[in-house]
Amino acid sequence: IMMDKKLMIKIGMFDTKYFMYCEDIDLCYRLNQLGYSIYYVHNAKIYHEHQMVSDKKLFSKRTLIHFRSMIHFVLKHRYFYM
């Protein structure tokens, strides 16, 4: 994510209740709610060196953390349909 520092301060910085995952979705959602456009650069390339620790198991610790972050997002923004 690339944005101006003043804009980041205006929308409230990162929500520290996200341990991992979904903090980018939260930022983009808040920007969109304030009328800002979100752009995705599909041909950008980023090289990230890591240990490939993302689990492929359905009920791994990381998967559960991801679900917890998604639930926090849904409850925080009341983002559900009835």
Protein backbone atom coordinates (compact mmCIF):
# COMPACT_ATOMS: atom_id res chain seq x y z
CA ILE A 1 0.00 0.00 0.00
CA MET A 2 1.30 3.41 -0.93
CA MET A 3 -0.33 6.58 0.36
CA ASP A 4 0.49 10.03 1.60
CA LYS A 5 1.44 10.23 5.27
CA LYS A 6 -1.13 12.99 5.92
CA LEU A 7 -3.88 10.80 4.49
CA MET A 8 -2.75 7.87 6.64
CA ILE A 9 -2.97 10.07 9.73
CA LYS A 10 -6.39 11.37 8.62
CA ILE A 11 -7.93 7.90 8.34
CA GLY A 12 -6.53 6.81 11.67
CA MET A 13 -3.44 4.71 10.97
CA PHE A 14 -3.45 0.93 11.45
CA ASP A 15 -5.90 -0.72 13.83
CA THR A 16 -3.75 -2.42 16.46
CA LYS A 17 -6.49 -4.99 17.17
CA TYR A 18 -5.40 -6.84 14.03
CA PHE A 19 -2.57 -9.13 15.04
CA MET A 20 -1.93 -10.20 11.45
CA TYR A 21 -3.97 -10.22 8.26
CA CYS A 22 -6.83 -7.95 7.09
CA GLU A 23 -5.23 -4.68 8.19
CA ASP A 24 -4.81 -3.76 4.51
CA ILE A 25 -8.48 -4.50 3.85
CA ASP A 26 -9.43 -2.33 6.82
CA LEU A 27 -7.34 0.61 5.53
CA CYS A 28 -8.79 0.34 2.02
CA TYR A 29 -12.33 0.07 3.36
CA ARG A 30 -11.90 3.21 5.50
CA LEU A 31 -10.41 5.10 2.55
CA ASN A 32 -13.33 4.05 0.36
CA GLN A 33 -15.83 5.15 3.01
CA LEU A 34 -14.28 8.63 2.92
CA GLY A 35 -14.68 8.77 -0.87
CA TYR A 36 -11.11 7.97 -1.89
CA SER A 37 -10.45 5.65 -4.80
CA ILE A 38 -8.39 2.50 -4.39
CA TYR A 39 -6.17 1.43 -7.26
CA TYR A 40 -4.62 -1.96 -7.83
CA VAL A 41 -1.51 -2.12 -10.00
CA HIS A 42 -1.77 -5.60 -11.49
CA ASN A 43 1.61 -5.59 -13.20
CA ALA A 44 3.65 -4.42 -10.19
CA LYS A 45 6.25 -6.91 -9.01
CA ILE A 46 7.39 -7.19 -5.43
CA TYR A 47 9.95 -9.69 -4.27
CA HIS A 48 9.49 -10.81 -0.71
CA GLU A 49 12.02 -13.16 0.79
CA HIS A 50 10.52 -15.33 3.46
CA GLN A 51 10.49 -18.89 4.68
CA MET A 52 7.27 -19.91 2.95
CA VAL A 53 5.60 -20.53 6.32
CA SER A 54 2.02 -20.06 5.16
CA ASP A 55 0.27 -23.27 6.05
CA LYS A 56 -1.85 -25.11 3.53
CA LYS A 57 -3.89 -26.82 6.26
CA LEU A 58 -7.47 -25.74 6.82
CA PHE A 59 -7.16 -25.45 10.61
CA SER A 60 -3.63 -24.23 11.13
CA LYS A 61 -2.72 -21.56 13.68
CA ARG A 62 -2.28 -18.99 10.90
CA THR A 63 -5.65 -19.86 9.38
CA LEU A 64 -7.34 -19.34 12.74
CA ILE A 65 -5.57 -15.97 13.16
CA HIS A 66 -6.78 -15.01 9.67
CA PHE A 67 -10.38 -15.95 10.52
CA ARG A 68 -10.13 -13.96 13.76
CA SER A 69 -8.98 -10.90 11.81
CA MET A 70 -11.84 -11.31 9.32
CA ILE A 71 -14.36 -11.54 12.15
CA HIS A 72 -12.88 -8.38 13.71
CA PHE A 73 -13.28 -6.57 10.38
CA VAL A 74 -16.90 -7.70 9.96
CA LEU A 75 -17.88 -6.69 13.49
CA LYS A 76 -15.94 -3.41 13.42
CA HIS A 77 -17.58 -2.20 10.20
CA ARG A 78 -20.87 -4.07 10.61
CA TYR A 79 -20.05 -5.52 7.20
CA PHE A 80 -22.70 -8.17 6.77
CA TYR A 81 -25.92 -8.56 4.89
CA MET A 82 -29.22 -9.83 6.19
